[in-house]
Amino acid sequence: MKRMEKVGIIGVDEVGRGCLAGDLIVCAYTLRAGCSHEDLLCLGLVAMDSKAFSVRVRRMSAAVLVEHCGDFEFARRSPAQIDASNIRLATLDAMREAAMALRFRRPGLFETICDGKDLPEGMEQPARAQIKGDVSILEISCASILAKVMRDKEMSRLAEVYPGYGFERHAGYGTRQHREAISRQGLCGIHRSWARKFLP
């Protein structure tokens, strides 16, 4: 009988889809050979939405995931790219880009699982979408952590470029503080088009 080869998982998730400002960041993540789900569980890493972790735990987890556990690729879409199409298409396009880049770097048998209800067109098979995948599939949770940490750091740096909006606190999401800042200061260079509705 022919032995079945083990299929690995590439988890794909995005951060920043619902924001008024900043880039959309997508990460594709897979475990390295020799690293298992049990290893991650021993490190305290469980499948859950990255926003549920504290900032400190998220950053510590990201360091472990990068240094010891897996391989990953990022893709991003700028506010201008998002506005040129729409957020859904920009997200799916970035998901496909990150996943395909990781598959190219890590040849072998992989199933790609994207968080959400939609699977990007043109994905190498096998591939599927998983609603709430970040709370059920460890590789998606890992991708979510890396994307969230990267984006939060970038938004903190951009807070110095565009002061007064509070990007270091809300990372571009449509909080009351952010909406009031837009009304008071107008839009800046990293706002997306739909932020205009908060102008006075």
Protein backbone atom coordinates (compact mmCIF):
# COMPACT_ATOMS: atom_id res chain seq x y z
CA MET A 1 0.00 0.00 0.00
CA LYS A 2 1.30 3.42 -0.93
CA ARG A 3 2.03 5.56 2.13
CA MET A 4 0.06 8.81 2.29
CA GLU A 5 2.26 11.86 2.57
CA LYS A 6 1.42 14.28 5.34
CA VAL A 7 -0.24 17.49 4.19
CA GLY A 8 0.82 20.66 5.94
CA ILE A 9 -1.34 23.73 6.45
CA ILE A 10 -0.75 27.29 5.29
CA GLY A 11 -2.92 29.62 7.32
CA VAL A 12 -3.78 33.03 5.86
CA ASP A 13 -5.28 36.00 7.68
CA GLU A 14 -5.56 39.76 7.31
CA VAL A 15 -5.40 42.71 9.67
CA GLY A 16 -6.73 46.18 8.95
CA ARG A 17 -9.67 45.37 6.72
CA GLY A 18 -12.11 47.44 8.77
CA CYS A 19 -9.83 50.44 9.27
CA LEU A 20 -10.25 54.03 8.11
CA ALA A 21 -6.49 54.48 7.63
CA GLY A 22 -3.32 52.57 6.93
CA ASP A 23 -2.39 49.53 4.88
CA LEU A 24 -4.15 46.20 4.84
CA ILE A 25 -1.64 43.55 5.97
CA VAL A 26 -1.96 39.86 5.12
CA CYS A 27 0.21 37.05 6.45
CA ALA A 28 0.51 33.44 5.31
CA TYR A 29 2.06 31.12 7.88
CA THR A 30 3.07 27.46 8.08
CA LEU A 31 4.96 25.42 10.65
CA ARG A 32 8.55 24.42 9.97
CA ALA A 33 9.50 20.77 9.70
CA GLY A 34 9.91 19.37 13.18
CA CYS A 35 7.54 21.85 14.80
CA SER A 36 4.07 20.63 15.71
CA HIS A 37 0.83 21.98 17.11
CA GLU A 38 1.79 20.38 20.41
CA ASP A 39 4.98 22.46 20.48
CA LEU A 40 2.95 25.65 20.07
CA LEU A 41 0.47 24.60 22.71
CA CYS A 42 3.36 23.99 25.13
CA LEU A 43 4.45 27.57 24.45
CA GLY A 44 0.97 28.78 25.33
CA LEU A 45 -0.04 29.54 21.74
CA VAL A 46 -3.63 28.57 21.07
CA ALA A 47 -6.00 29.25 18.18
CA MET A 48 -7.69 32.55 18.93
CA ASP A 49 -8.23 35.97 17.40
CA SER A 50 -4.99 37.95 17.71
CA LYS A 51 -6.92 40.92 19.12
CA ALA A 52 -7.82 38.76 22.14
CA PHE A 53 -4.15 38.65 23.20
CA SER A 54 -2.65 41.49 25.21
CA VAL A 55 -0.09 43.62 23.36
CA ARG A 56 2.73 42.11 25.44
CA VAL A 57 1.68 38.50 24.84
CA ARG A 58 1.10 39.18 21.15
CA ARG A 59 4.61 40.60 20.70
CA MET A 60 6.23 37.79 22.66
CA SER A 61 4.29 35.21 20.66
CA ALA A 62 5.27 36.85 17.38
CA ALA A 63 8.96 36.68 18.30
CA VAL A 64 8.68 32.95 19.05
CA LEU A 65 6.72 32.27 15.86
CA VAL A 66 9.30 34.06 13.73
CA GLU A 67 12.46 32.71 15.36
CA HIS A 68 11.57 29.13 16.18
CA CYS A 69 8.34 27.82 14.71
CA GLY A 70 7.43 28.71 11.17
CA ASP A 71 7.87 30.22 7.75
CA PHE A 72 5.75 33.12 6.57
CA GLU A 73 5.15 35.70 3.86
CA PHE A 74 3.44 39.07 4.01
CA ALA A 75 1.44 40.96 1.41
CA ARG A 76 -0.05 44.42 1.72
CA ARG A 77 -2.39 46.81 0.01
CA SER A 78 -2.12 50.57 0.43
CA PRO A 79 -5.10 52.90 0.90
CA ALA A 80 -4.72 53.96 -2.75
CA GLN A 81 -4.79 50.32 -3.93
CA ILE A 82 -7.80 49.59 -1.74
CA ASP A 83 -9.64 52.65 -3.08
CA ALA A 84 -8.81 51.66 -6.67
CA SER A 85 -10.76 48.41 -6.32
CA ASN A 86 -12.56 47.73 -3.05
CA ILE A 87 -11.61 46.28 0.30
CA ARG A 88 -12.95 42.81 -0.44
CA LEU A 89 -11.05 42.41 -3.71
CA ALA A 90 -7.91 43.97 -2.23
CA THR A 91 -8.05 41.52 0.68
CA LEU A 92 -8.53 38.46 -1.52
CA ASP A 93 -5.79 39.57 -3.90
CA ALA A 94 -3.33 40.06 -1.03
CA MET A 95 -4.29 36.70 0.48
CA ARG A 96 -3.55 34.95 -2.81
CA GLU A 97 -0.23 36.79 -3.14
CA ALA A 98 0.98 35.86 0.34
CA ALA A 99 -0.14 32.24 0.09
CA MET A 100 1.39 31.68 -3.33
CA ALA A 101 4.66 33.28 -2.26
CA LEU A 102 4.89 30.93 0.71
CA ARG A 103 4.02 27.90 -1.41
CA PHE A 104 6.82 28.88 -3.79
CA ARG A 105 9.31 29.05 -0.90
CA ARG A 106 8.05 25.86 0.72
CA PRO A 107 7.38 23.29 -2.01
CA GLY A 108 5.48 20.25 -0.83
CA LEU A 109 1.98 19.15 0.06
CA PHE A 110 0.03 21.97 1.67
CA GLU A 111 -3.60 22.87 2.14
CA THR A 112 -4.12 26.62 2.19
CA ILE A 113 -6.85 27.82 4.54
CA CYS A 114 -7.94 31.46 4.40
CA ASP A 115 -9.79 33.08 7.27
CA GLY A 116 -13.26 34.24 6.27
CA LYS A 117 -16.02 33.11 3.92
CA ASP A 118 -14.33 33.82 0.57
CA LEU A 119 -11.52 31.94 -1.15
CA PRO A 120 -9.41 33.98 -3.59
CA GLU A 121 -9.62 32.91 -7.21
CA GLY A 122 -6.59 31.24 -8.72
CA MET A 123 -5.35 29.61 -5.51
CA GLU A 124 -3.25 26.48 -5.88
CA GLN A 125 -5.30 23.55 -4.65
CA PRO A 126 -6.09 22.17 -2.15
CA ALA A 127 -7.41 25.39 -0.64
CA ARG A 128 -10.50 26.52 1.24
CA ALA A 129 -11.97 29.35 3.27
CA GLN A 130 -12.85 28.92 6.93
CA ILE A 131 -15.18 31.30 8.78
CA LYS A 132 -13.64 32.22 12.14
CA GLY A 133 -10.58 30.23 11.17
CA ASP A 134 -8.42 32.26 13.54
CA VAL A 135 -10.16 30.64 16.52
CA SER A 136 -10.11 27.09 15.15
CA ILE A 137 -6.94 26.69 13.06
CA LEU A 138 -3.62 27.34 14.72
CA GLU A 139 -1.76 28.36 11.56
CA ILE A 140 -4.36 31.05 10.85
CA SER A 141 -4.06 32.33 14.41
CA CYS A 142 -0.28 32.51 13.98
CA ALA A 143 -0.70 34.46 10.74
CA SER A 144 -3.09 36.82 12.50
CA ILE A 145 -0.60 37.48 15.31
CA LEU A 146 2.25 38.32 12.93
CA ALA A 147 0.08 40.58 10.79
CA LYS A 148 -1.34 42.38 13.82
CA VAL A 149 2.07 42.99 15.40
CA MET A 150 3.53 44.29 12.13
CA ARG A 151 0.60 46.60 11.45
CA ASP A 152 0.43 47.99 14.99
CA LYS A 153 4.13 48.84 14.89
CA GLU A 154 3.72 50.57 11.54
CA MET A 155 0.74 52.59 12.74
CA SER A 156 2.69 53.68 15.83
CA ARG A 157 5.46 54.97 13.56
CA LEU A 158 2.93 56.73 11.34
CA ALA A 159 1.49 58.45 14.41
CA GLU A 160 4.69 60.48 14.49
CA VAL A 161 4.33 61.40 10.82
CA TYR A 162 0.65 62.30 11.20
CA PRO A 163 0.23 63.54 14.79
CA GLY A 164 -3.10 64.24 16.41
CA TYR A 165 -5.06 61.28 15.05
CA GLY A 166 -4.08 58.79 17.75
CA PHE A 167 -2.87 56.10 15.37
CA GLU A 168 -0.62 54.72 18.12
CA ARG A 169 -3.74 53.90 20.14
CA HIS A 170 -6.43 52.81 17.68
CA ALA A 171 -4.22 51.73 14.73
CA GLY A 172 -6.53 53.40 12.23
CA TYR A 173 -9.81 51.83 13.30
CA GLY A 174 -12.89 54.01 13.40
CA THR A 175 -12.95 54.79 17.10
CA ARG A 176 -14.66 57.88 18.46
CA GLN A 177 -11.28 59.52 19.04
CA HIS A 178 -10.30 58.85 15.42
CA ARG A 179 -13.58 60.12 13.98
CA GLU A 180 -13.36 63.30 16.04
CA ALA A 181 -9.77 63.84 14.87
CA ILE A 182 -10.87 63.55 11.25
CA SER A 183 -13.63 66.07 11.85
CA ARG A 184 -11.15 68.42 13.52
CA GLN A 185 -8.05 67.98 11.32
CA GLY A 186 -9.34 66.61 8.05
CA LEU A 187 -7.86 63.61 6.25
CA CYS A 188 -4.17 62.74 6.04
CA GLY A 189 -2.08 60.82 3.53
CA ILE A 190 -2.94 57.35 4.83
CA HIS A 191 -6.72 57.66 5.09
CA ARG A 192 -8.95 55.52 2.89
CA SER A 193 -11.69 57.09 0.81
CA TRP A 194 -14.57 56.08 3.08
CA ALA A 195 -13.07 58.13 5.93
CA ARG A 196 -14.47 61.18 4.12
CA LYS A 197 -17.89 60.57 5.65
CA PHE A 198 -16.51 61.81 8.98
CA LEU A 199 -15.51 65.20 7.57
CA PRO A 200 -17.65 68.10 8.83
